[in-house]
Protein backbone atom coordinates (compact mmCIF):
# COMPACT_ATOMS: atom_id res chain seq x y z
CA MET A 1 7.78 -31.46 109.10
CA PHE A 2 6.38 -33.63 111.85
CA ILE A 3 4.60 -36.91 112.55
CA LYS A 4 0.83 -36.53 112.91
CA THR A 5 -1.54 -38.99 114.52
CA THR A 6 -5.09 -39.29 113.17
CA ARG A 7 -7.91 -41.57 114.29
CA SER A 8 -10.29 -43.50 112.06
CA GLY A 9 -12.63 -45.90 113.76
CA LYS A 10 -10.85 -47.79 116.53
CA TYR A 11 -7.34 -47.37 115.03
CA GLU A 12 -4.77 -44.56 115.03
CA TYR A 13 -2.72 -43.80 111.93
CA LEU A 14 0.64 -42.04 111.51
CA GLN A 15 1.52 -39.58 108.77
CA ILE A 16 4.56 -37.46 107.93
CA VAL A 17 3.11 -33.99 107.45
CA SER A 18 4.47 -30.60 106.43
CA SER A 19 2.91 -27.40 107.70
CA LYS A 20 2.58 -24.13 105.82
CA ARG A 21 0.42 -21.01 105.90
CA VAL A 22 -1.77 -20.09 102.92
CA ASN A 23 -3.58 -16.75 103.12
CA GLY A 24 -3.11 -16.70 106.85
CA VAL A 25 -4.48 -20.22 107.35
CA THR A 26 -2.30 -23.13 108.49
CA ARG A 27 -2.50 -26.04 106.08
CA HIS A 28 -1.07 -29.55 106.42
CA ASP A 29 0.21 -31.46 103.41
CA VAL A 30 0.63 -35.21 103.84
CA LEU A 31 4.05 -36.26 102.60
CA MET A 32 3.83 -39.92 103.53
CA ASN A 33 1.33 -42.29 105.15
CA LEU A 34 3.14 -44.55 107.61
CA GLY A 35 0.15 -46.78 108.35
CA ARG A 36 -1.57 -47.94 111.52
CA LYS A 37 0.24 -46.92 114.67
CA ASP A 38 0.16 -50.44 116.14
CA GLU A 39 1.78 -51.84 112.98
CA VAL A 40 4.46 -49.21 112.43
CA ARG A 41 6.85 -50.95 114.82
CA ASN A 42 6.95 -53.95 112.52
CA ASN A 43 6.92 -52.05 109.23
CA PRO A 44 10.07 -53.09 107.29
CA LEU A 45 9.74 -50.25 104.76
CA LEU A 46 9.79 -47.65 107.51
CA LYS A 47 12.83 -49.27 109.05
CA LYS A 48 14.64 -49.14 105.69
CA LEU A 49 13.82 -45.43 105.33
CA VAL A 50 15.18 -44.66 108.81
CA ILE A 51 18.32 -46.67 108.11
CA LYS A 52 18.82 -44.90 104.78
CA LEU A 53 18.41 -41.47 106.35
CA SER A 54 20.85 -42.51 109.05
CA GLU A 55 23.42 -43.57 106.47
CA ILE A 56 23.04 -40.32 104.52
CA THR A 57 23.28 -38.08 107.56
CA GLY A 58 25.97 -40.05 109.38
CA LEU A 59 23.68 -40.65 112.33
CA SER A 60 23.18 -44.02 113.93
CA SER A 61 19.65 -45.40 113.85
CA SER A 62 19.44 -44.86 117.56
CA ASN A 63 19.89 -41.08 117.19
CA SER A 64 16.80 -38.87 117.28
CA PHE A 65 15.70 -36.67 114.40
CA SER A 66 14.98 -33.71 116.62
CA ASP A 67 17.24 -31.48 114.48
CA LEU A 68 15.28 -32.30 111.31
CA SER A 69 13.98 -29.02 109.82
CA SER A 70 10.45 -28.36 108.66
CA ALA A 71 9.92 -29.55 105.09
CA VAL A 72 9.63 -27.16 102.14
CA ILE A 73 7.69 -28.50 99.17
CA ARG A 74 9.36 -28.01 95.80
CA ASN A 75 8.26 -29.00 92.31
CA TRP A 76 10.54 -30.97 90.01
CA GLY A 77 7.92 -31.93 87.38
CA TYR A 78 8.96 -28.90 85.32
CA VAL A 79 11.96 -30.92 84.06
CA VAL A 80 9.61 -32.58 81.55
CA TYR A 81 9.19 -29.22 79.81
CA LYS A 82 12.90 -28.50 80.25
CA VAL A 83 13.64 -31.56 78.08
CA LEU A 84 11.31 -30.25 75.37
CA TRP A 85 12.72 -26.72 75.72
CA LYS A 86 16.20 -28.00 74.96
CA SER A 87 15.07 -30.39 72.23
CA LEU A 88 13.58 -27.41 70.36
CA LYS A 89 16.82 -25.47 71.02
CA LEU A 90 14.86 -22.59 72.48
CA ASP A 91 17.68 -21.93 74.94
CA THR A 92 20.06 -21.42 72.02
CA CYS A 93 17.56 -19.24 70.13
CA LEU A 94 16.96 -16.95 73.11
CA GLU A 95 20.65 -16.71 73.93
CA ASN A 96 21.33 -15.57 70.36
CA ILE A 97 18.59 -12.96 70.74
CA ARG A 98 20.07 -11.78 74.04
CA THR A 99 23.51 -11.22 72.56
CA THR A 100 22.05 -8.75 70.06
CA ASP A 101 20.58 -6.61 72.85
CA SER A 102 23.32 -4.59 74.49
CA LYS A 103 21.13 -3.85 77.53
CA ALA A 104 20.30 -7.50 78.28
CA LYS A 105 22.82 -8.44 80.99
CA PHE A 106 20.80 -11.41 82.24
CA ASN A 107 19.93 -14.91 81.01
CA LEU A 108 16.94 -14.44 78.67
CA SER A 109 16.35 -18.19 78.30
CA GLN A 110 16.13 -18.76 82.06
CA THR A 111 13.73 -15.89 82.68
CA THR A 112 11.51 -16.87 79.74
CA PHE A 113 11.52 -20.52 80.77
CA LEU A 114 10.39 -19.63 84.29
CA MET A 115 7.43 -17.63 82.93
CA VAL A 116 6.56 -20.42 80.50
CA ILE A 117 6.50 -23.23 83.07
CA GLN A 118 4.53 -21.02 85.45
CA HIS A 119 1.85 -20.71 82.76
CA LEU A 120 1.94 -24.44 82.18
CA LEU A 121 1.83 -25.55 85.82
CA ASN A 122 0.15 -22.74 87.76
CA PRO A 123 -0.68 -19.54 85.82
CA MET A 124 -0.18 -16.31 87.76
CA SER A 125 1.08 -12.76 87.30
CA LYS A 126 4.75 -12.00 86.69
CA LEU A 127 5.04 -10.51 90.19
CA LYS A 128 3.64 -13.68 91.77
CA THR A 129 5.83 -15.77 89.48
CA PHE A 130 8.85 -13.93 90.87
CA ASN A 131 7.67 -14.38 94.46
CA HIS A 132 7.03 -18.11 93.97
CA GLN A 133 10.07 -19.01 91.86
CA SER A 134 11.63 -20.95 94.74
CA ARG A 135 8.88 -23.53 94.26
CA TYR A 136 10.92 -25.04 91.42
CA VAL A 137 13.83 -27.02 92.74
CA LYS A 138 17.30 -25.94 91.55
CA LEU A 139 16.14 -23.23 89.15
CA PRO A 140 18.39 -20.17 89.37
CA GLU A 141 17.06 -17.20 91.36
CA LEU A 142 15.94 -14.40 89.07
CA LYS A 143 15.24 -10.71 89.56
CA LEU A 144 11.80 -9.22 89.03
CA GLN A 145 13.04 -6.51 86.66
CA HIS A 146 14.54 -9.20 84.46
CA LEU A 147 11.13 -10.83 83.99
CA TYR A 148 9.64 -7.54 82.83
CA ARG A 149 12.67 -6.72 80.69
CA SER A 150 12.34 -10.15 79.04
CA LEU A 151 8.83 -9.28 77.89
CA ASP A 152 10.17 -6.21 76.08
CA ILE A 153 12.81 -8.30 74.30
CA LEU A 154 10.35 -11.09 73.43
CA SER A 155 7.96 -8.54 71.95
CA LYS A 156 10.64 -7.33 69.52
CA SER A 157 11.83 -10.88 68.78
CA LYS A 158 8.50 -12.60 68.06
CA ASP A 159 9.17 -13.13 64.34
CA GLU A 160 12.65 -14.51 64.97
CA ILE A 161 11.31 -16.95 67.57
CA GLU A 162 8.58 -18.15 65.21
CA LYS A 163 11.12 -18.68 62.42
CA HIS A 164 13.28 -20.70 64.77
CA ILE A 165 10.34 -22.87 65.85
CA PHE A 166 9.38 -23.42 62.22
CA SER A 167 12.91 -24.52 61.36
CA GLN A 168 12.86 -27.01 64.24
CA ASN A 169 9.47 -28.47 63.29
CA TYR A 170 9.86 -28.79 59.55
CA ASP A 171 12.50 -30.04 57.16
CA LEU A 172 13.93 -26.95 55.50
CA PHE A 173 14.67 -28.94 52.34
CA ASN A 174 11.02 -29.94 52.02
CA CYS A 175 9.02 -27.38 53.96
CA GLU A 176 5.81 -27.70 51.99
CA ILE A 177 2.82 -27.62 54.31
CA ASP A 178 -0.34 -29.00 52.78
CA VAL A 179 -2.88 -27.56 55.17
CA VAL A 180 -2.79 -24.64 57.59
CA PHE A 181 -5.73 -23.91 59.88
CA TYR A 182 -6.54 -20.30 60.67
CA ASP A 183 -8.99 -18.78 63.10
CA VAL A 184 -9.47 -15.65 65.15
CA THR A 185 -10.40 -15.05 68.79
CA THR A 186 -10.36 -12.19 71.29
CA PHE A 187 -8.67 -11.70 74.67
CA TYR A 188 -10.11 -9.12 77.00
CA PHE A 189 -8.57 -6.93 79.74
CA GLU A 190 -10.13 -6.00 83.05
CA SER A 191 -9.99 -2.40 81.86
CA VAL A 192 -11.73 0.26 79.80
CA LYS A 193 -8.53 2.17 78.98
CA GLN A 194 -7.81 2.18 75.25
CA ASN A 195 -4.55 2.49 73.33
CA ASP A 196 -3.30 1.57 69.84
CA LEU A 197 -3.61 -2.17 70.62
CA LYS A 198 -6.31 -2.43 73.28
CA ASP A 199 -9.69 -1.32 72.04
CA PHE A 200 -13.39 -2.08 72.21
CA GLY A 201 -14.79 -4.48 69.63
CA TYR A 202 -16.89 -7.58 69.09
CA SER A 203 -15.95 -9.92 71.95
CA LYS A 204 -16.08 -13.69 71.48
CA ASP A 205 -16.22 -13.93 75.29
CA ASN A 206 -19.26 -11.62 75.54
CA LYS A 207 -17.15 -9.02 77.38
CA PHE A 208 -18.40 -5.94 75.56
CA LYS A 209 -17.58 -3.51 78.38
CA GLU A 210 -13.83 -4.28 78.42
CA VAL A 211 -11.09 -3.46 75.95
CA GLN A 212 -9.54 -6.39 74.10
CA VAL A 213 -7.01 -7.55 71.53
CA VAL A 214 -7.69 -9.82 68.55
CA MET A 215 -5.49 -12.84 67.83
CA GLY A 216 -5.23 -14.74 64.54
CA LEU A 217 -3.64 -18.16 65.06
CA LEU A 218 -2.12 -20.52 62.48
CA ILE A 219 -1.67 -24.21 63.27
CA ASP A 220 -0.72 -27.25 61.18
CA GLN A 221 -2.58 -30.53 60.72
CA ASN A 222 -1.06 -31.96 63.90
CA GLY A 223 -2.25 -29.07 66.02
CA PHE A 224 1.23 -27.52 66.36
CA PRO A 225 1.27 -23.71 66.28
CA ILE A 226 3.06 -22.12 63.32
CA GLY A 227 2.56 -18.47 64.19
CA TYR A 228 0.10 -15.83 65.27
CA GLU A 229 -0.69 -12.16 64.80
CA LEU A 230 -2.11 -9.63 67.26
CA PHE A 231 -4.51 -6.96 66.06
CA PRO A 232 -6.25 -4.00 67.73
CA GLY A 233 -9.39 -4.97 69.58
CA ASN A 234 -11.72 -3.32 67.06
CA THR A 235 -10.36 -5.32 64.09
CA PHE A 236 -12.94 -7.29 62.08
CA ASP A 237 -12.19 -11.04 61.84
CA GLY A 238 -12.18 -11.10 58.07
CA SER A 239 -9.54 -8.38 57.70
CA THR A 240 -6.95 -10.23 59.82
CA MET A 241 -6.19 -12.95 57.32
CA ILE A 242 -4.42 -10.75 54.78
CA LYS A 243 -1.67 -9.68 57.17
CA ALA A 244 -1.32 -13.19 58.57
CA LEU A 245 -0.90 -14.64 55.07
CA ASN A 246 1.64 -12.05 54.02
CA ASN A 247 3.71 -12.62 57.14
CA LEU A 248 3.44 -16.38 56.73
CA LYS A 249 4.85 -16.24 53.23
CA LYS A 250 7.52 -13.63 54.01
CA ARG A 251 8.89 -15.28 57.16
CA PHE A 252 8.73 -18.95 56.29
CA GLY A 253 8.95 -19.00 52.50
CA ILE A 254 6.35 -21.78 52.35
CA ARG A 255 5.68 -22.78 48.76
CA ARG A 256 2.25 -24.35 49.07
CA VAL A 257 -0.43 -23.73 51.66
CA ILE A 258 -4.12 -24.56 51.81
CA ILE A 259 -5.89 -22.32 54.31
CA VAL A 260 -8.78 -23.91 56.21
CA ALA A 261 -11.12 -21.51 57.99
CA ASP A 262 -14.72 -21.17 59.11
CA ARG A 263 -17.38 -18.98 57.50
CA GLY A 264 -16.45 -15.98 59.65
CA LEU A 265 -13.36 -15.53 57.45
CA ASN A 266 -15.13 -16.30 54.19
CA SER A 267 -15.27 -12.93 52.49
CA LYS A 268 -14.78 -12.56 48.76
CA ILE A 269 -11.81 -10.24 49.14
CA ASN A 270 -10.15 -12.67 51.57
CA LEU A 271 -10.48 -15.53 49.08
CA LYS A 272 -9.02 -13.38 46.32
CA MET A 273 -6.07 -12.43 48.53
CA ILE A 274 -5.43 -16.11 49.26
CA LYS A 275 -5.41 -16.90 45.54
CA ASP A 276 -3.19 -13.88 44.79
CA ALA A 277 -0.67 -15.27 47.29
CA ASN A 278 -0.76 -18.57 45.34
CA TYR A 279 -2.35 -20.34 48.27
CA GLY A 280 -5.45 -22.51 48.24
CA TYR A 281 -8.44 -22.46 50.55
CA ILE A 282 -11.14 -24.63 52.08
CA VAL A 283 -13.78 -22.51 53.81
CA ALA A 284 -17.33 -22.91 55.06
CA SER A 285 -19.89 -21.50 52.64
CA ARG A 286 -22.87 -19.27 53.40
CA ILE A 287 -25.32 -21.33 51.33
CA ARG A 288 -28.39 -19.66 52.88
CA LYS A 289 -27.28 -16.34 51.36
CA MET A 290 -26.70 -17.70 47.85
CA ASN A 291 -28.96 -16.88 44.92
CA ASP A 292 -32.07 -18.89 44.09
CA LYS A 293 -30.39 -20.74 41.21
CA ILE A 294 -27.69 -22.16 43.49
CA ARG A 295 -30.20 -22.94 46.23
CA LYS A 296 -32.38 -24.81 43.72
CA GLU A 297 -29.41 -26.91 42.61
CA ILE A 298 -28.50 -27.66 46.24
CA LEU A 299 -32.04 -28.89 46.94
CA SER A 300 -32.21 -31.02 43.81
CA PRO A 301 -31.55 -34.72 44.65
CA GLU A 302 -29.68 -35.19 41.39
CA GLY A 303 -25.92 -35.60 41.73
CA TYR A 304 -25.73 -36.69 45.38
CA PHE A 305 -23.65 -39.71 46.35
CA GLU A 306 -23.19 -41.40 49.68
CA MET A 307 -20.24 -41.16 52.07
CA GLN A 308 -19.58 -42.33 55.61
CA VAL A 309 -18.07 -40.45 58.55
CA ASN A 310 -15.19 -42.29 60.21
CA SER A 311 -15.48 -43.87 63.66
CA GLN A 312 -13.99 -40.84 65.45
CA GLY A 313 -16.56 -38.51 63.95
CA LYS A 314 -13.84 -35.91 63.27
CA GLY A 315 -13.18 -36.60 59.64
CA PHE A 316 -14.01 -38.76 56.68
CA ASN A 317 -12.50 -42.15 55.99
CA ASN A 318 -11.53 -42.37 52.36
CA ASN A 319 -11.65 -46.18 52.50
CA ASN A 320 -15.37 -45.90 53.20
CA TYR A 321 -15.91 -43.63 50.21
CA ILE A 322 -18.99 -44.87 48.34
CA ASN A 323 -19.89 -43.39 44.98
CA ASN A 324 -23.46 -44.43 44.37
CA ASP A 325 -25.65 -43.63 41.42
CA SER A 326 -25.73 -39.86 41.03
CA LYS A 327 -29.52 -39.97 41.15
CA SER A 328 -29.68 -40.89 44.83
CA ASP A 329 -33.12 -40.33 46.29
CA ASN A 330 -32.79 -37.72 49.02
CA ASN A 331 -36.08 -38.72 50.64
CA ASN A 332 -35.19 -42.41 50.74
CA TYR A 333 -31.84 -41.53 52.30
CA ILE A 334 -33.49 -39.53 55.08
CA SER A 335 -35.93 -42.34 55.84
CA ASN A 336 -33.24 -45.05 55.95
CA ASP A 337 -30.89 -42.98 58.09
CA SER A 338 -33.68 -42.24 60.57
CA ASN A 339 -34.25 -45.95 61.15
CA SER A 340 -30.58 -46.51 61.76
CA LYS A 341 -30.49 -43.57 64.18
CA ASN A 342 -33.35 -44.99 66.25
CA ASN A 343 -31.50 -48.29 66.55
CA ASN A 344 -28.38 -46.48 67.72
CA LYS A 345 -30.30 -44.95 70.62
CA ASN A 346 -30.77 -48.46 71.94
CA GLY A 347 -27.06 -49.18 71.59
CA LYS A 348 -27.59 -51.55 68.65
CA ASN A 349 -26.31 -51.64 65.09
CA LYS A 350 -23.90 -48.76 65.64
CA SER A 351 -22.32 -47.74 62.34
CA PRO A 352 -20.58 -44.70 60.87
CA GLU A 353 -22.86 -41.76 60.14
CA LYS A 354 -23.85 -41.52 56.51
CA LEU A 355 -23.71 -38.36 54.45
CA LEU A 356 -25.06 -37.39 51.10
CA CYS A 357 -22.56 -35.35 49.14
CA LYS A 358 -22.70 -33.33 45.93
CA VAL A 359 -19.91 -31.44 44.13
CA MET A 360 -20.95 -28.38 42.13
CA ASP A 361 -18.91 -26.14 39.84
CA TYR A 362 -19.07 -22.62 41.19
CA VAL A 363 -17.73 -19.31 39.90
CA ASN A 364 -17.24 -16.81 42.71
CA THR A 365 -17.32 -13.23 41.37
CA VAL A 366 -15.24 -10.73 43.35
CA LYS A 367 -14.98 -6.96 43.01
CA ASP A 368 -11.70 -5.43 44.12
CA GLN A 369 -11.24 -1.96 45.65
CA PHE A 370 -11.21 -0.43 42.17
CA GLY A 371 -14.51 -2.04 41.17
CA ILE A 372 -12.82 -4.51 38.79
CA LYS A 373 -14.48 -7.94 38.66
CA HIS A 374 -12.48 -11.13 39.18
CA GLU A 375 -13.65 -14.72 38.92
CA LEU A 376 -12.58 -17.47 41.30
CA ASP A 377 -13.08 -20.95 39.89
CA GLU A 378 -14.24 -23.10 42.81
CA ASN A 379 -15.93 -26.31 43.81
CA LEU A 380 -18.95 -25.98 46.05
CA ILE A 381 -19.24 -29.17 48.11
CA ILE A 382 -22.66 -29.77 49.65
CA THR A 383 -23.28 -32.39 52.33
CA TYR A 384 -26.53 -33.51 53.90
CA SER A 385 -26.99 -35.52 57.11
CA GLU A 386 -29.67 -36.24 59.67
CA LYS A 387 -27.30 -35.07 62.40
CA ARG A 388 -26.98 -31.68 60.73
CA LEU A 389 -30.75 -31.56 60.21
CA THR A 390 -31.35 -31.99 63.94
CA LYS A 391 -28.77 -29.31 64.79
CA ASP A 392 -30.16 -26.76 62.33
CA ARG A 393 -33.70 -27.22 63.65
CA ALA A 394 -32.58 -26.85 67.26
CA ASP A 395 -30.52 -23.73 66.46
CA ARG A 396 -33.45 -22.10 64.71
CA GLU A 397 -35.87 -22.94 67.52
CA ARG A 398 -33.56 -21.15 69.96
CA LEU A 399 -33.45 -18.09 67.72
CA ILE A 400 -37.23 -18.07 67.32
CA GLU A 401 -37.69 -18.38 71.07
CA LYS A 402 -35.30 -15.49 71.67
CA THR A 403 -37.05 -13.38 69.04
CA ASN A 404 -40.49 -14.05 70.53
CA LYS A 405 -39.27 -12.96 73.95
CA LEU A 406 -38.15 -9.64 72.48
CA LEU A 407 -41.41 -9.23 70.59
CA ASN A 408 -43.16 -9.35 73.95
CA ARG A 409 -40.99 -6.37 75.00
CA PRO A 410 -40.78 -4.25 71.81
CA GLY A 411 -39.48 -1.23 73.71
CA ILE A 412 -36.02 -2.80 74.12
CA ILE A 413 -35.64 -4.11 70.57
CA ASN A 414 -33.85 -1.05 69.19
CA ALA A 415 -31.14 -1.37 71.81
CA ASN A 416 -30.63 -5.08 71.25
CA ILE A 417 -31.15 -5.71 67.58
CA LYS A 418 -27.63 -4.84 66.42
CA ARG A 419 -25.80 -7.21 68.71
CA SER A 420 -28.31 -10.03 69.14
CA GLY A 421 -28.11 -11.61 65.70
CA LEU A 422 -31.91 -11.80 65.43
CA LYS A 423 -32.22 -12.90 61.82
CA TYR A 424 -35.93 -13.71 62.17
CA LEU A 425 -36.93 -10.25 63.33
CA LYS A 426 -38.36 -7.86 60.72
CA SER A 427 -39.95 -4.44 60.88
CA ASP A 428 -43.06 -3.05 59.23
CA GLU A 429 -44.51 0.46 59.10
CA ASP A 430 -48.16 1.33 59.51
CA GLU A 431 -49.92 4.27 57.84
CA LEU A 432 -48.58 6.63 60.51
CA LYS A 433 -45.04 5.34 59.85
CA ASN A 434 -44.87 3.72 63.27
CA ILE A 435 -42.49 0.79 63.25
CA LYS A 436 -43.97 -2.56 64.16
CA TRP A 437 -41.74 -5.56 64.84
CA LEU A 438 -42.79 -8.96 63.51
CA LEU A 439 -41.55 -12.53 63.35
CA ASP A 440 -40.17 -13.18 59.84
CA GLU A 441 -42.26 -16.25 58.96
CA GLU A 442 -41.15 -16.14 55.32
CA GLY A 443 -37.48 -16.15 56.31
CA ILE A 444 -38.06 -19.08 58.64
CA GLU A 445 -39.73 -21.13 55.90
CA LYS A 446 -36.94 -20.32 53.46
CA ASP A 447 -34.26 -21.44 55.93
CA GLU A 448 -36.13 -24.64 56.78
CA LEU A 449 -35.62 -25.86 53.22
CA LEU A 450 -31.84 -26.01 53.79
CA ASP A 451 -31.94 -27.78 57.16
CA GLY A 452 -29.40 -30.61 57.12
CA TYR A 453 -27.36 -29.12 54.28
CA TYR A 454 -23.85 -27.74 54.72
CA GLY A 455 -21.58 -26.10 52.17
CA ILE A 456 -17.82 -25.84 51.74
CA GLN A 457 -16.08 -23.74 49.09
CA THR A 458 -12.65 -24.69 47.88
CA SER A 459 -10.17 -23.64 45.25
CA GLU A 460 -8.72 -27.17 45.26
CA LYS A 461 -10.52 -28.92 42.41
CA ASN A 462 -7.99 -31.74 42.07
CA ILE A 463 -8.02 -32.96 45.67
CA ASP A 464 -10.18 -35.93 46.65
CA ILE A 465 -13.50 -34.82 48.14
CA ALA A 466 -13.04 -37.02 51.18
CA ASP A 467 -9.68 -35.34 51.91
CA ILE A 468 -11.22 -31.89 51.60
CA LEU A 469 -14.03 -32.76 54.00
CA ASP A 470 -11.53 -34.37 56.35
CA SER A 471 -9.40 -31.21 56.36
CA TYR A 472 -12.35 -28.97 57.06
CA HIS A 473 -13.71 -31.13 59.85
CA THR A 474 -10.27 -31.11 61.49
CA LEU A 475 -10.83 -27.40 62.13
CA TRP A 476 -11.84 -28.44 65.67
CA LYS A 477 -8.11 -28.56 66.47
CA ILE A 478 -7.77 -24.79 66.30
CA GLU A 479 -10.93 -24.33 68.35
CA GLU A 480 -9.36 -26.65 70.90
CA SER A 481 -6.16 -24.58 70.73
CA PHE A 482 -7.98 -21.40 71.71
CA ARG A 483 -9.78 -23.25 74.50
CA ILE A 484 -6.46 -24.49 75.91
CA MET A 485 -4.91 -21.02 75.71
CA LYS A 486 -7.88 -19.35 77.39
CA ASN A 487 -8.79 -21.93 80.02
CA THR A 488 -5.79 -24.15 80.76
CA LEU A 489 -2.87 -21.76 80.14
CA GLU A 490 -4.99 -18.83 81.33
CA VAL A 491 -3.73 -16.20 78.90
CA ARG A 492 -6.33 -14.05 80.69
CA PRO A 493 -6.34 -12.04 82.82
CA ILE A 494 -3.57 -9.98 81.25
CA PHE A 495 -1.74 -7.98 83.93
CA HIS A 496 0.19 -5.71 81.54
CA TRP A 497 -0.82 -2.36 80.11
CA THR A 498 1.96 -1.22 77.75
CA GLU A 499 1.93 -2.52 74.19
CA ASN A 500 5.38 -4.17 74.37
CA ARG A 501 4.61 -5.96 77.64
CA ILE A 502 1.29 -7.21 76.27
CA LYS A 503 2.96 -8.51 73.13
CA GLY A 504 5.74 -10.12 75.19
CA HIS A 505 3.10 -11.80 77.37
CA PHE A 506 1.57 -13.40 74.27
CA VAL A 507 4.98 -14.70 73.16
CA VAL A 508 5.28 -16.45 76.55
CA CYS A 509 1.79 -17.92 76.11
CA PHE A 510 2.62 -19.03 72.57
CA LEU A 511 5.74 -20.86 73.79
CA SER A 512 3.72 -22.44 76.61
CA PHE A 513 1.13 -23.66 74.14
CA LEU A 514 3.86 -25.06 71.87
CA LEU A 515 5.38 -27.11 74.71
CA GLU A 516 1.96 -28.39 75.81
CA ARG A 517 1.17 -29.55 72.26
CA LYS A 518 4.58 -31.18 71.87
CA LEU A 519 4.21 -33.11 75.13
CA GLU A 520 0.69 -34.23 74.23
CA SER A 521 1.92 -35.43 70.83
CA ARG A 522 4.70 -37.47 72.45
CA LEU A 523 2.25 -39.08 74.85
CA ILE A 524 -0.26 -39.93 72.11
CA SER A 525 2.51 -41.53 70.06
CA GLU A 526 3.08 -43.86 73.03
CA GLY A 527 -0.61 -44.72 73.25
CA ILE A 528 -1.26 -42.46 76.26
CA THR A 529 -4.56 -40.82 75.34
CA GLU A 530 -5.86 -39.82 78.78
CA ALA A 531 -3.42 -36.92 79.14
CA SER A 532 -5.65 -33.87 78.74
CA PRO A 533 -3.93 -30.53 79.43
CA ASP A 534 -5.55 -30.35 82.87
CA ARG A 535 -4.59 -33.92 83.79
CA THR A 536 -1.05 -33.36 82.54
CA ARG A 537 -0.75 -30.25 84.73
CA GLU A 538 -2.04 -32.19 87.72
CA ALA A 539 0.42 -35.03 87.04
CA LEU A 540 3.45 -32.75 86.73
CA ASN A 541 2.45 -30.79 89.83
CA SER A 542 2.39 -34.08 91.76
CA LEU A 543 6.12 -34.53 91.13
CA GLU A 544 7.43 -32.86 94.29
CA PHE A 545 10.20 -33.07 96.85
CA ALA A 546 9.94 -32.45 100.57
CA GLU A 547 13.19 -30.54 101.09
CA VAL A 548 14.57 -30.89 104.64
CA GLU A 549 17.78 -30.05 106.46
CA MET A 550 19.48 -32.43 108.84
CA ASN A 551 22.89 -32.20 110.42
CA ASN A 552 23.55 -29.03 108.33
CA ASN A 553 22.88 -30.89 105.09
CA ARG A 554 19.91 -30.69 102.70
CA TYR A 555 17.95 -33.69 101.42
CA TYR A 556 15.09 -34.20 99.00
CA ILE A 557 12.42 -36.73 99.97
CA LYS A 558 10.40 -37.67 96.89
CA THR A 559 6.62 -37.59 97.30
CA LYS A 560 4.32 -40.01 95.52
CA GLY A 561 3.35 -38.99 91.98
CA THR A 562 0.38 -40.14 89.93
CA ASP A 563 0.15 -42.99 87.45
CA LEU A 564 0.11 -40.46 84.62
CA SER A 565 3.21 -38.67 85.92
CA ASN A 566 5.09 -41.98 85.85
CA LYS A 567 3.98 -42.55 82.25
CA ILE A 568 5.10 -39.03 81.29
CA LEU A 569 8.56 -39.54 82.81
CA LYS A 570 8.93 -42.85 80.99
CA THR A 571 7.83 -41.33 77.67
CA MET A 572 10.32 -38.47 78.05
CA HIS A 573 13.10 -40.89 79.05
CA ILE A 574 13.63 -39.17 82.39
CA GLN A 575 15.32 -41.46 84.88
CA THR A 576 13.56 -42.69 87.99
CA LEU A 577 14.82 -40.81 91.05
CA LYS A 578 15.66 -42.31 94.41
CA ASN A 579 13.17 -41.74 97.22
CA VAL A 580 15.80 -39.77 99.17
CA LEU A 581 18.58 -37.86 97.45
CA THR A 582 20.90 -34.92 97.92
CA PRO A 583 20.83 -31.75 95.78
CA ASP A 584 23.95 -32.89 93.96
CA GLU A 585 22.20 -36.11 92.97
CA PHE A 586 19.34 -34.19 91.32
CA ASP A 587 20.64 -33.33 87.88
CA VAL A 588 17.90 -34.02 85.33
């Protein structure tokens, strides 16, 4: 650490700077700006700092600081997650798990916590985590083999950890959960080597040349994770739900669950399995694939009533529920809504988006593996909006454009057709049985009729329609969950190759995601809405000490945090630290 002089314009400025090498390049981090050089002599704050350092070190203010060591930057923002870690009693849970493993002669909670906060604050491999563990002030020094050994134990203990988290989040005497959101995503490896878990399959990241694993994630209405399942990379989305449901019921003993999922998980056998487990469901419907009788009823204006989307656009406000005459005129609705939309473009007359809604009785016939027919008594909820109309038209135009480009290069169609989702591409044979590819004009016209319409199937016939729509449109929370895990917590790349280590890695990521969600919830409850995962990471990484040695003693000089970091500390009831303190004084 040293004092650096910089020039700006006609003035010189003084800074306290630390020096370190990153990838062979010397980098200076500014610890403190002292101000203009000509004004430093009269700066009372600087004088107070010098006097304070003198008192701590036993030096008189006239002594020099020539024996002051170079500063080492250490993070102390991790203590925010330490508070949450202890509040969820994860340290107790992991210690109990450790005691059942005769080979675990190390602190499982400490090693797991280090890997978790590394994912939260600066994701990196386990080897780099080990090499950089000194970055966190006053965390115990751990051995590399203990990090890897922890992954093996976490892999075996996943169910026990999830049960513990569930018991901490929900009242065991009233553990009914009304709605559980379920979705599936994929995580790829920078590898082509397959095993029982890693395999090739349909990649949601468009990484078709790498092996992957499939994850099914369950979260509650607040966005808190309940549990997850890992499947081999070649597993079809729809077949994951059965195992997830069985494990959910077996581990947690939940009495009543309504599963909310998108159309990718809406298969007849899945819906039957949900009903057989005495659960309910709310799923997106494939109305464009329904028979002509149902399509005709959807297009009929009879039975529609008007609703309004709430101000956040993420659900439906039951207070705004309007049940108009069942013979609402669909054409009049479209015309009126268009006028309102044009006004909104000019920033005038902004109002909640209106929807037309119809509830239809629907019997879903399912054949089981033995060919026996079963009937599922459902409600088919149809909504219509101008916003959806615009989206459907734009989506179709993109597909038509993509199809036309391929039609101009028919030689590559055979190689692309299976994975391109080209629904408007059809084939025809001439007299010589040569295949000719054409644009499916009839299919386009048929789909156009349902532009603006959206369907939801549900087994819950006694729940208010507005609540059902609100639950389905809250499905964005699980999409956000996957985005946080992939982008912010950087579950990928996965640096492990054995099945146990891979599974242990996902337990660490699951715990990281849990702590991130818990912190965000606490902040929102205090009215702090600007704390995105990225901004929270930045704020907690700004909480640092410049650790120096003077007169054979160590001292922590606190660097300046951000406004958000101060709000986080206040929300978590973490005391304000002095600007200069000794290691013994840091005990958060």
